[in-house]
């Protein structure tokens, strides 16, 4: 259980490490930025208390804390095998290809961001651009430089992108999720 402390949820003490991913813009010739230390921060959880040896949470599980945007943050447990099977199904259903350029402006703590966008894109070897704290200005800037073929959108981003635009875009597809589309969309 996560408890709010000064507005921030605390990390459960049975988490041995926490991983934070920082977004960055890569230039084609900047190979040192591809080293994980340039975009990952791994910290040991203070006062770590290991799970019992027979706990099912110790094996083949991914534990993610939700953002709490619709209430208190929660801990979500994903099985590795089911996440990978889901990724394969998404690839088949959406027709993702290694040559795709996937723009992902949605949080990875949600199953839409993780299970529909990121893992399937990684599975096929597509190019991926993550947008941290996405808004229309960030989205349009990344769209211009990254030139995506696939966009993973929320209905609100979809509505904004549906307006007349000065530059045409060559999307092969747009996947909309996270909320329902209204009849006006």
N, C-alpha and C. Protein backbone atom coordinates (compact mmCIF):
# COMPACT_ATOMS: atom_id res chain seq x y z
N UNK A 1 0.85 -1.18 0.00
CA UNK A 1 0.00 0.00 0.00
C UNK A 1 0.89 1.24 0.00
N UNK A 2 0.50 2.21 -0.78
CA UNK A 2 1.25 3.47 -0.84
C UNK A 2 0.55 4.50 0.04
N UNK A 3 1.31 5.18 0.83
CA UNK A 3 0.76 6.18 1.74
C UNK A 3 1.26 7.54 1.28
N UNK A 4 0.38 8.50 1.24
CA UNK A 4 0.79 9.84 0.80
C UNK A 4 1.62 10.52 1.90
N UNK A 5 2.74 11.08 1.47
CA UNK A 5 3.63 11.81 2.35
C UNK A 5 4.04 13.07 1.62
N UNK A 6 3.53 14.20 2.04
CA UNK A 6 3.78 15.48 1.38
C UNK A 6 3.37 15.42 -0.10
N UNK A 7 2.25 14.79 -0.39
CA UNK A 7 1.76 14.74 -1.76
C UNK A 7 2.38 13.63 -2.60
N UNK A 8 3.44 13.01 -2.16
CA UNK A 8 4.11 11.95 -2.91
C UNK A 8 3.82 10.60 -2.28
N UNK A 9 3.44 9.61 -3.06
CA UNK A 9 3.26 8.28 -2.48
C UNK A 9 4.62 7.68 -2.11
N UNK A 10 4.66 6.98 -1.00
CA UNK A 10 5.90 6.34 -0.59
C UNK A 10 6.06 5.03 -1.34
N UNK A 11 7.28 4.56 -1.41
CA UNK A 11 7.59 3.30 -2.07
C UNK A 11 7.39 2.18 -1.05
N UNK A 12 6.67 1.12 -1.42
CA UNK A 12 6.52 0.00 -0.48
C UNK A 12 7.89 -0.54 -0.08
N UNK A 13 8.06 -0.90 1.18
CA UNK A 13 9.38 -1.32 1.67
C UNK A 13 9.83 -2.65 1.11
N UNK A 14 8.92 -3.44 0.52
CA UNK A 14 9.38 -4.69 -0.06
C UNK A 14 9.96 -4.48 -1.46
N UNK A 15 9.86 -3.25 -2.03
CA UNK A 15 10.55 -2.94 -3.28
C UNK A 15 12.02 -2.79 -2.95
N UNK A 16 12.86 -3.60 -3.53
CA UNK A 16 14.30 -3.49 -3.27
C UNK A 16 14.90 -2.30 -3.99
N UNK A 17 14.47 -2.05 -5.21
CA UNK A 17 14.97 -0.93 -6.01
C UNK A 17 13.81 -0.19 -6.65
N UNK A 18 14.02 1.09 -6.93
CA UNK A 18 13.10 1.85 -7.74
C UNK A 18 13.87 2.32 -8.96
N UNK A 19 13.20 2.37 -10.09
CA UNK A 19 13.83 2.79 -11.34
C UNK A 19 13.07 4.00 -11.86
N UNK A 20 13.80 5.06 -12.18
CA UNK A 20 13.23 6.26 -12.77
C UNK A 20 13.82 6.42 -14.15
N UNK A 21 12.96 6.67 -15.13
CA UNK A 21 13.41 6.85 -16.52
C UNK A 21 13.28 8.33 -16.87
N UNK A 22 14.36 8.90 -17.39
CA UNK A 22 14.35 10.30 -17.84
C UNK A 22 14.28 10.31 -19.36
N UNK A 23 13.41 11.14 -19.91
CA UNK A 23 13.34 11.24 -21.36
C UNK A 23 14.48 12.13 -21.84
N UNK A 24 14.90 11.90 -23.07
CA UNK A 24 15.96 12.70 -23.67
C UNK A 24 15.80 12.68 -25.17
N UNK A 25 16.34 13.70 -25.81
CA UNK A 25 16.31 13.77 -27.26
C UNK A 25 17.68 13.33 -27.76
N UNK A 26 17.70 12.36 -28.65
CA UNK A 26 18.95 11.81 -29.17
C UNK A 26 19.26 12.39 -30.54
N UNK A 27 20.50 12.79 -30.72
CA UNK A 27 20.98 13.13 -32.05
C UNK A 27 21.52 11.85 -32.66
N UNK A 28 21.50 11.75 -33.98
CA UNK A 28 21.93 10.52 -34.64
C UNK A 28 23.35 10.10 -34.26
N UNK A 29 24.25 11.05 -34.05
CA UNK A 29 25.64 10.70 -33.77
C UNK A 29 25.98 10.63 -32.29
N UNK A 30 24.99 10.67 -31.42
CA UNK A 30 25.25 10.74 -29.98
C UNK A 30 25.07 9.37 -29.33
N UNK A 31 25.98 8.45 -29.61
CA UNK A 31 25.83 7.06 -29.15
C UNK A 31 25.95 6.92 -27.64
N UNK A 32 26.71 7.80 -26.95
CA UNK A 32 26.86 7.62 -25.50
C UNK A 32 25.54 7.82 -24.78
N UNK A 33 24.59 8.54 -25.36
CA UNK A 33 23.30 8.73 -24.72
C UNK A 33 22.47 7.44 -24.70
N UNK A 34 22.86 6.45 -25.49
CA UNK A 34 22.13 5.20 -25.50
C UNK A 34 22.49 4.31 -24.31
N UNK A 35 23.53 4.67 -23.58
CA UNK A 35 23.92 3.90 -22.40
C UNK A 35 22.84 4.08 -21.33
N UNK A 36 22.37 2.99 -20.72
CA UNK A 36 21.27 3.08 -19.75
C UNK A 36 21.51 4.09 -18.61
N UNK A 37 22.76 4.27 -18.20
CA UNK A 37 23.04 5.21 -17.11
C UNK A 37 22.67 6.65 -17.47
N UNK A 38 22.55 6.94 -18.76
CA UNK A 38 22.21 8.30 -19.17
C UNK A 38 20.72 8.59 -19.05
N UNK A 39 19.87 7.56 -18.94
CA UNK A 39 18.44 7.82 -18.84
C UNK A 39 17.73 7.04 -17.72
N UNK A 40 18.47 6.18 -17.00
CA UNK A 40 17.88 5.43 -15.89
C UNK A 40 18.54 5.80 -14.58
N UNK A 41 17.76 5.95 -13.55
CA UNK A 41 18.28 6.12 -12.20
C UNK A 41 17.72 4.97 -11.38
N UNK A 42 18.61 4.19 -10.77
CA UNK A 42 18.19 3.06 -9.95
C UNK A 42 18.60 3.35 -8.51
N UNK A 43 17.63 3.34 -7.61
CA UNK A 43 17.89 3.62 -6.21
C UNK A 43 17.44 2.44 -5.36
N UNK A 44 18.20 2.19 -4.30
CA UNK A 44 17.81 1.18 -3.33
C UNK A 44 16.78 1.80 -2.39
N UNK A 45 15.73 1.07 -2.11
CA UNK A 45 14.68 1.56 -1.22
C UNK A 45 15.21 1.60 0.21
N UNK A 46 15.10 2.77 0.88
CA UNK A 46 15.54 2.83 2.28
C UNK A 46 14.74 1.87 3.14
N UNK A 47 15.40 1.26 4.10
CA UNK A 47 14.77 0.36 5.07
C UNK A 47 14.05 -0.81 4.39
N UNK A 48 14.67 -1.33 3.32
CA UNK A 48 14.11 -2.44 2.56
C UNK A 48 13.85 -3.64 3.46
N UNK A 49 12.66 -4.21 3.35
CA UNK A 49 12.30 -5.44 4.06
C UNK A 49 11.95 -6.46 2.98
N UNK A 50 12.78 -7.49 2.79
CA UNK A 50 12.51 -8.46 1.72
C UNK A 50 11.19 -9.19 1.92
N UNK A 51 10.59 -9.57 0.80
CA UNK A 51 9.40 -10.40 0.85
C UNK A 51 9.79 -11.79 1.35
N UNK A 52 8.88 -12.51 1.96
CA UNK A 52 9.18 -13.90 2.33
C UNK A 52 9.58 -14.71 1.10
N UNK A 53 10.44 -15.67 1.27
CA UNK A 53 10.96 -16.47 0.17
C UNK A 53 9.88 -17.16 -0.64
N UNK A 54 8.75 -17.49 -0.03
CA UNK A 54 7.69 -18.19 -0.75
C UNK A 54 6.62 -17.25 -1.32
N UNK A 55 6.84 -15.94 -1.26
CA UNK A 55 5.86 -14.98 -1.78
C UNK A 55 5.78 -15.08 -3.30
N UNK A 56 4.56 -15.13 -3.81
CA UNK A 56 4.38 -15.19 -5.26
C UNK A 56 4.82 -13.91 -5.95
N UNK A 57 4.93 -12.81 -5.20
CA UNK A 57 5.37 -11.54 -5.79
C UNK A 57 6.85 -11.56 -6.14
N UNK A 58 7.60 -12.56 -5.68
CA UNK A 58 9.04 -12.61 -5.93
C UNK A 58 9.38 -13.15 -7.32
N UNK A 59 8.46 -13.83 -7.98
CA UNK A 59 8.80 -14.53 -9.21
C UNK A 59 7.96 -14.07 -10.40
N UNK A 60 8.68 -13.69 -11.45
CA UNK A 60 8.06 -13.40 -12.76
C UNK A 60 6.91 -12.39 -12.67
N UNK A 61 7.14 -11.35 -11.92
CA UNK A 61 6.13 -10.31 -11.76
C UNK A 61 6.75 -8.94 -12.01
N UNK A 62 5.96 -8.04 -12.56
CA UNK A 62 6.33 -6.65 -12.68
C UNK A 62 5.34 -5.89 -11.82
N UNK A 63 5.85 -5.12 -10.86
CA UNK A 63 4.99 -4.35 -9.97
C UNK A 63 5.13 -2.88 -10.34
N UNK A 64 4.01 -2.26 -10.64
CA UNK A 64 4.01 -0.84 -11.00
C UNK A 64 3.07 -0.09 -10.08
N UNK A 65 3.46 1.12 -9.73
CA UNK A 65 2.59 1.98 -8.95
C UNK A 65 1.86 2.89 -9.93
N UNK A 66 0.54 2.96 -9.81
CA UNK A 66 -0.24 3.82 -10.69
C UNK A 66 -0.01 5.28 -10.30
N UNK A 67 -0.42 6.17 -11.18
CA UNK A 67 -0.23 7.59 -10.93
C UNK A 67 -1.15 8.12 -9.84
N UNK A 68 -2.27 7.48 -9.65
CA UNK A 68 -3.22 7.97 -8.66
C UNK A 68 -4.08 9.11 -9.18
N UNK A 69 -4.08 9.30 -10.50
CA UNK A 69 -4.82 10.42 -11.07
C UNK A 69 -6.32 10.33 -10.82
N UNK A 70 -6.85 9.13 -10.60
CA UNK A 70 -8.27 8.96 -10.33
C UNK A 70 -8.54 8.54 -8.89
N UNK A 71 -7.59 8.79 -8.01
CA UNK A 71 -7.73 8.39 -6.61
C UNK A 71 -6.36 8.13 -6.03
N UNK A 72 -6.32 7.27 -5.03
CA UNK A 72 -5.04 6.94 -4.40
C UNK A 72 -4.20 6.08 -5.35
N UNK A 73 -2.87 6.28 -5.38
CA UNK A 73 -2.02 5.39 -6.18
C UNK A 73 -2.16 3.96 -5.67
N UNK A 74 -2.13 3.02 -6.59
CA UNK A 74 -2.27 1.61 -6.25
C UNK A 74 -1.08 0.84 -6.81
N UNK A 75 -0.85 -0.31 -6.26
CA UNK A 75 0.19 -1.19 -6.75
C UNK A 75 -0.47 -2.21 -7.67
N UNK A 76 0.03 -2.30 -8.90
CA UNK A 76 -0.53 -3.22 -9.88
C UNK A 76 0.52 -4.30 -10.14
N UNK A 77 0.09 -5.55 -10.12
CA UNK A 77 0.99 -6.69 -10.34
C UNK A 77 0.70 -7.27 -11.71
N UNK A 78 1.73 -7.34 -12.56
CA UNK A 78 1.62 -7.93 -13.89
C UNK A 78 2.48 -9.18 -13.95
N UNK A 79 1.96 -10.25 -14.53
CA UNK A 79 2.74 -11.46 -14.77
C UNK A 79 3.52 -11.29 -16.07
N UNK A 80 4.80 -11.66 -16.06
CA UNK A 80 5.63 -11.52 -17.26
C UNK A 80 5.01 -12.23 -18.46
N UNK A 81 4.57 -13.47 -18.27
CA UNK A 81 4.05 -14.24 -19.39
C UNK A 81 2.81 -13.59 -20.00
N UNK A 82 1.97 -13.04 -19.15
CA UNK A 82 0.74 -12.41 -19.66
C UNK A 82 1.05 -11.08 -20.35
N UNK A 83 2.03 -10.32 -19.83
CA UNK A 83 2.42 -9.08 -20.50
C UNK A 83 2.97 -9.37 -21.89
N UNK A 84 3.82 -10.39 -21.99
CA UNK A 84 4.41 -10.73 -23.29
C UNK A 84 3.35 -11.28 -24.25
N UNK A 85 2.45 -12.11 -23.75
CA UNK A 85 1.37 -12.63 -24.61
C UNK A 85 0.48 -11.49 -25.09
N UNK A 86 0.21 -10.53 -24.22
CA UNK A 86 -0.58 -9.37 -24.61
C UNK A 86 0.15 -8.58 -25.70
N UNK A 87 1.46 -8.39 -25.55
CA UNK A 87 2.24 -7.64 -26.55
C UNK A 87 2.15 -8.31 -27.92
N UNK A 88 2.25 -9.63 -27.95
CA UNK A 88 2.15 -10.37 -29.21
C UNK A 88 0.76 -10.17 -29.83
N UNK A 89 -0.29 -10.24 -29.02
CA UNK A 89 -1.65 -10.02 -29.52
C UNK A 89 -1.82 -8.62 -30.08
N UNK A 90 -1.26 -7.62 -29.39
CA UNK A 90 -1.37 -6.24 -29.86
C UNK A 90 -0.65 -6.07 -31.20
N UNK A 91 0.55 -6.64 -31.31
CA UNK A 91 1.31 -6.56 -32.56
C UNK A 91 0.48 -7.12 -33.72
N UNK A 92 -0.12 -8.29 -33.50
CA UNK A 92 -0.93 -8.91 -34.55
C UNK A 92 -2.17 -8.08 -34.87
N UNK A 93 -2.83 -7.61 -33.84
CA UNK A 93 -4.08 -6.86 -34.02
C UNK A 93 -3.85 -5.51 -34.71
N UNK A 94 -2.78 -4.79 -34.30
CA UNK A 94 -2.52 -3.45 -34.84
C UNK A 94 -1.61 -3.47 -36.06
N UNK A 95 -0.97 -4.61 -36.33
CA UNK A 95 -0.07 -4.69 -37.48
C UNK A 95 1.19 -3.86 -37.31
N UNK A 96 1.69 -3.76 -36.07
CA UNK A 96 2.92 -3.01 -35.84
C UNK A 96 4.08 -3.68 -36.56
N UNK A 97 5.01 -2.87 -37.08
CA UNK A 97 6.15 -3.38 -37.84
C UNK A 97 7.44 -2.75 -37.33
N UNK A 98 8.55 -3.39 -37.63
CA UNK A 98 9.85 -2.89 -37.17
C UNK A 98 10.17 -1.51 -37.75
N UNK A 99 9.63 -1.19 -38.91
CA UNK A 99 9.89 0.12 -39.51
C UNK A 99 9.03 1.24 -38.96
N UNK A 100 8.10 0.92 -38.06
CA UNK A 100 7.22 1.96 -37.50
C UNK A 100 8.00 2.89 -36.57
N UNK A 101 7.50 4.10 -36.49
CA UNK A 101 8.03 5.12 -35.57
C UNK A 101 6.87 5.47 -34.64
N UNK A 102 6.93 4.96 -33.41
CA UNK A 102 5.81 5.05 -32.47
C UNK A 102 5.98 6.20 -31.49
N UNK A 103 5.03 7.12 -31.50
CA UNK A 103 5.03 8.26 -30.59
C UNK A 103 4.09 7.93 -29.43
N UNK A 104 4.66 7.91 -28.21
CA UNK A 104 3.90 7.47 -27.03
C UNK A 104 3.84 8.61 -26.00
N UNK A 105 2.72 9.35 -25.97
CA UNK A 105 2.58 10.44 -25.01
C UNK A 105 1.77 10.06 -23.78
N UNK A 106 1.56 8.77 -23.55
CA UNK A 106 0.71 8.32 -22.44
C UNK A 106 1.58 7.68 -21.36
N UNK A 107 1.15 7.74 -20.10
CA UNK A 107 1.95 7.19 -18.99
C UNK A 107 2.15 5.67 -19.12
N UNK A 108 3.34 5.22 -18.78
CA UNK A 108 3.66 3.79 -18.87
C UNK A 108 3.14 3.02 -17.66
N UNK A 109 2.67 3.69 -16.63
CA UNK A 109 2.08 3.00 -15.48
C UNK A 109 0.68 2.50 -15.81
N UNK A 110 0.10 2.98 -16.89
CA UNK A 110 -1.21 2.51 -17.34
C UNK A 110 -1.01 1.35 -18.29
N UNK A 111 -1.94 0.43 -18.35
CA UNK A 111 -1.83 -0.70 -19.26
C UNK A 111 -1.86 -0.23 -20.71
N UNK A 112 -2.52 0.87 -20.99
CA UNK A 112 -2.53 1.40 -22.35
C UNK A 112 -1.11 1.81 -22.77
N UNK A 113 -0.42 2.55 -21.92
CA UNK A 113 0.94 2.98 -22.24
C UNK A 113 1.93 1.83 -22.26
N UNK A 114 1.84 0.94 -21.29
CA UNK A 114 2.79 -0.17 -21.17
C UNK A 114 2.43 -1.32 -22.11
N UNK A 115 1.21 -1.83 -21.99
CA UNK A 115 0.84 -3.06 -22.66
C UNK A 115 0.39 -2.90 -24.10
N UNK A 116 -0.09 -1.71 -24.47
CA UNK A 116 -0.56 -1.50 -25.84
C UNK A 116 0.48 -0.73 -26.65
N UNK A 117 1.18 0.20 -26.02
CA UNK A 117 2.12 1.04 -26.76
C UNK A 117 3.57 0.57 -26.64
N UNK A 118 4.14 0.60 -25.44
CA UNK A 118 5.58 0.37 -25.28
C UNK A 118 6.02 -1.06 -25.57
N UNK A 119 5.47 -2.04 -24.86
CA UNK A 119 5.95 -3.42 -25.02
C UNK A 119 5.76 -3.95 -26.45
N UNK A 120 4.60 -3.75 -27.08
CA UNK A 120 4.48 -4.21 -28.47
C UNK A 120 5.45 -3.50 -29.41
N UNK A 121 5.68 -2.21 -29.20
CA UNK A 121 6.63 -1.47 -30.04
C UNK A 121 8.04 -2.01 -29.86
N UNK A 122 8.41 -2.29 -28.60
CA UNK A 122 9.72 -2.90 -28.34
C UNK A 122 9.81 -4.29 -28.96
N UNK A 123 8.73 -5.05 -28.86
CA UNK A 123 8.69 -6.43 -29.37
C UNK A 123 9.03 -6.50 -30.86
N UNK A 124 8.50 -5.56 -31.65
CA UNK A 124 8.76 -5.59 -33.09
C UNK A 124 10.03 -4.84 -33.47
N UNK A 125 10.63 -4.13 -32.52
CA UNK A 125 11.85 -3.36 -32.83
C UNK A 125 11.57 -2.03 -33.48
N UNK A 126 10.40 -1.45 -33.22
CA UNK A 126 10.05 -0.14 -33.78
C UNK A 126 10.85 0.96 -33.08
N UNK A 127 10.96 2.10 -33.74
CA UNK A 127 11.55 3.28 -33.10
C UNK A 127 10.49 3.86 -32.18
N UNK A 128 10.92 4.32 -31.00
CA UNK A 128 9.97 4.78 -29.98
C UNK A 128 10.37 6.16 -29.49
N UNK A 129 9.40 7.02 -29.35
CA UNK A 129 9.60 8.34 -28.75
C UNK A 129 8.58 8.48 -27.64
N UNK A 130 9.06 8.62 -26.40
CA UNK A 130 8.19 8.82 -25.25
C UNK A 130 8.08 10.30 -24.98
N UNK A 131 6.90 10.76 -24.61
CA UNK A 131 6.71 12.16 -24.25
C UNK A 131 6.30 12.21 -22.79
N UNK A 132 7.14 12.83 -22.00
CA UNK A 132 6.89 12.99 -20.58
C UNK A 132 5.90 14.14 -20.36
N UNK A 133 4.91 13.92 -19.50
CA UNK A 133 3.92 14.96 -19.19
C UNK A 133 3.40 15.62 -20.47
N UNK A 134 2.81 14.82 -21.33
CA UNK A 134 2.40 15.27 -22.66
C UNK A 134 1.34 16.36 -22.60
N UNK A 135 1.52 17.35 -23.44
CA UNK A 135 0.51 18.36 -23.72
C UNK A 135 0.60 18.64 -25.21
N UNK A 136 -0.25 19.49 -25.73
CA UNK A 136 -0.29 19.71 -27.17
C UNK A 136 1.02 20.30 -27.70
N UNK A 137 1.62 21.23 -26.98
CA UNK A 137 2.87 21.85 -27.45
C UNK A 137 3.98 20.82 -27.52
N UNK A 138 4.14 20.00 -26.47
CA UNK A 138 5.18 18.96 -26.49
C UNK A 138 4.90 17.94 -27.59
N UNK A 139 3.64 17.57 -27.72
CA UNK A 139 3.28 16.58 -28.73
C UNK A 139 3.63 17.07 -30.13
N UNK A 140 3.22 18.28 -30.46
CA UNK A 140 3.48 18.81 -31.81
C UNK A 140 4.97 18.97 -32.07
N UNK A 141 5.73 19.37 -31.05
CA UNK A 141 7.19 19.50 -31.22
C UNK A 141 7.83 18.14 -31.49
N UNK A 142 7.44 17.12 -30.75
CA UNK A 142 7.99 15.78 -30.96
C UNK A 142 7.51 15.20 -32.28
N UNK A 143 6.28 15.47 -32.63
CA UNK A 143 5.74 14.99 -33.91
C UNK A 143 6.56 15.55 -35.07
N UNK A 144 6.91 16.81 -34.98
CA UNK A 144 7.66 17.46 -36.06
C UNK A 144 9.06 16.87 -36.21
N UNK A 145 9.75 16.63 -35.09
CA UNK A 145 11.12 16.12 -35.17
C UNK A 145 11.18 14.61 -35.35
N UNK A 146 10.27 13.88 -34.74
CA UNK A 146 10.31 12.41 -34.77
C UNK A 146 9.64 11.83 -36.02
N UNK A 147 8.63 12.51 -36.54
CA UNK A 147 7.87 12.07 -37.72
C UNK A 147 7.31 10.64 -37.54
N UNK A 148 6.38 10.49 -36.60
CA UNK A 148 5.84 9.16 -36.30
C UNK A 148 4.98 8.59 -37.43
N UNK A 149 4.94 7.27 -37.47
CA UNK A 149 3.99 6.58 -38.36
C UNK A 149 2.80 6.07 -37.56
N UNK A 150 3.00 5.88 -36.24
CA UNK A 150 1.94 5.41 -35.34
C UNK A 150 1.89 6.35 -34.14
N UNK A 151 0.70 6.80 -33.79
CA UNK A 151 0.52 7.62 -32.59
C UNK A 151 -0.41 6.92 -31.63
N UNK A 152 -0.02 6.89 -30.37
CA UNK A 152 -0.88 6.33 -29.32
C UNK A 152 -1.48 7.53 -28.60
N UNK A 153 -2.76 7.77 -28.81
CA UNK A 153 -3.39 9.02 -28.38
C UNK A 153 -4.48 8.79 -27.34
N UNK A 154 -4.72 9.82 -26.57
CA UNK A 154 -5.90 9.87 -25.71
C UNK A 154 -6.97 10.63 -26.50
N UNK A 155 -8.24 10.49 -26.15
CA UNK A 155 -9.27 11.24 -26.87
C UNK A 155 -9.02 12.75 -26.89
N UNK A 156 -8.51 13.32 -25.80
CA UNK A 156 -8.28 14.77 -25.79
C UNK A 156 -7.19 15.16 -26.79
N UNK A 157 -6.10 14.39 -26.87
CA UNK A 157 -5.06 14.66 -27.87
C UNK A 157 -5.62 14.46 -29.28
N UNK A 158 -6.43 13.45 -29.44
CA UNK A 158 -7.05 13.16 -30.74
C UNK A 158 -7.90 14.34 -31.20
N UNK A 159 -8.70 14.89 -30.29
CA UNK A 159 -9.53 16.05 -30.63
C UNK A 159 -8.68 17.23 -31.07
N UNK A 160 -7.60 17.49 -30.34
CA UNK A 160 -6.73 18.62 -30.68
C UNK A 160 -6.04 18.41 -32.02
N UNK A 161 -5.62 17.18 -32.29
CA UNK A 161 -4.92 16.90 -33.55
C UNK A 161 -5.86 16.88 -34.74
N UNK A 162 -7.16 16.75 -34.48
CA UNK A 162 -8.16 16.70 -35.54
C UNK A 162 -8.42 18.07 -36.15
N UNK A 163 -7.96 19.11 -35.50
CA UNK A 163 -8.17 20.46 -36.00
C UNK A 163 -7.27 20.71 -37.21
N UNK A 164 -7.62 21.71 -38.03
CA UNK A 164 -6.76 22.02 -39.19
C UNK A 164 -5.32 22.30 -38.75
N UNK A 165 -4.37 21.77 -39.55
CA UNK A 165 -2.96 21.88 -39.19
C UNK A 165 -2.18 22.49 -40.33
N UNK A 166 -1.08 23.16 -39.98
CA UNK A 166 -0.26 23.80 -41.00
C UNK A 166 0.63 22.79 -41.73
N UNK A 167 1.07 21.73 -41.04
CA UNK A 167 1.93 20.73 -41.66
C UNK A 167 1.21 19.39 -41.75
N UNK A 168 1.25 18.75 -42.92
CA UNK A 168 0.63 17.42 -43.01
C UNK A 168 1.48 16.39 -42.28
N UNK A 169 0.86 15.33 -41.79
CA UNK A 169 1.56 14.26 -41.09
C UNK A 169 1.29 12.95 -41.82
N UNK A 170 2.28 12.06 -41.78
CA UNK A 170 2.17 10.79 -42.50
C UNK A 170 1.96 9.64 -41.53
N UNK A 171 0.92 9.71 -40.73
CA UNK A 171 0.60 8.61 -39.82
C UNK A 171 0.07 7.42 -40.61
N UNK A 172 0.56 6.25 -40.28
CA UNK A 172 0.00 5.02 -40.83
C UNK A 172 -1.20 4.60 -39.99
N UNK A 173 -1.17 5.00 -38.71
CA UNK A 173 -2.27 4.67 -37.83
C UNK A 173 -2.23 5.47 -36.55
N UNK A 174 -3.38 5.62 -35.95
CA UNK A 174 -3.50 6.26 -34.64
C UNK A 174 -4.33 5.34 -33.77
N UNK A 175 -3.80 5.03 -32.60
CA UNK A 175 -4.49 4.17 -31.65
C UNK A 175 -4.99 5.07 -30.53
N UNK A 176 -6.27 5.04 -30.26
CA UNK A 176 -6.85 5.92 -29.25
C UNK A 176 -7.34 5.06 -28.09
N UNK A 177 -6.96 5.44 -26.88
CA UNK A 177 -7.38 4.70 -25.69
C UNK A 177 -7.26 5.55 -24.45
N UNK A 178 -7.61 4.97 -23.33
CA UNK A 178 -7.50 5.66 -22.05
C UNK A 178 -8.81 6.25 -21.60
N UNK A 179 -9.72 6.49 -22.55
CA UNK A 179 -11.04 7.03 -22.26
C UNK A 179 -11.89 6.79 -23.49
N UNK A 180 -13.17 7.04 -23.40
CA UNK A 180 -14.02 6.80 -24.57
C UNK A 180 -14.06 8.05 -25.44
N UNK A 181 -14.26 7.84 -26.72
CA UNK A 181 -14.47 8.94 -27.66
C UNK A 181 -15.93 9.34 -27.62
N UNK A 182 -16.19 10.61 -27.72
CA UNK A 182 -17.58 11.06 -27.76
C UNK A 182 -18.05 11.05 -29.22
N UNK A 183 -19.33 11.19 -29.44
CA UNK A 183 -19.87 11.19 -30.81
C UNK A 183 -19.36 12.38 -31.60
N UNK A 184 -18.95 13.47 -30.92
CA UNK A 184 -18.41 14.64 -31.61
C UNK A 184 -16.99 14.40 -32.12
N UNK A 185 -16.31 13.37 -31.59
CA UNK A 185 -14.94 13.07 -32.01
C UNK A 185 -14.97 12.34 -33.33
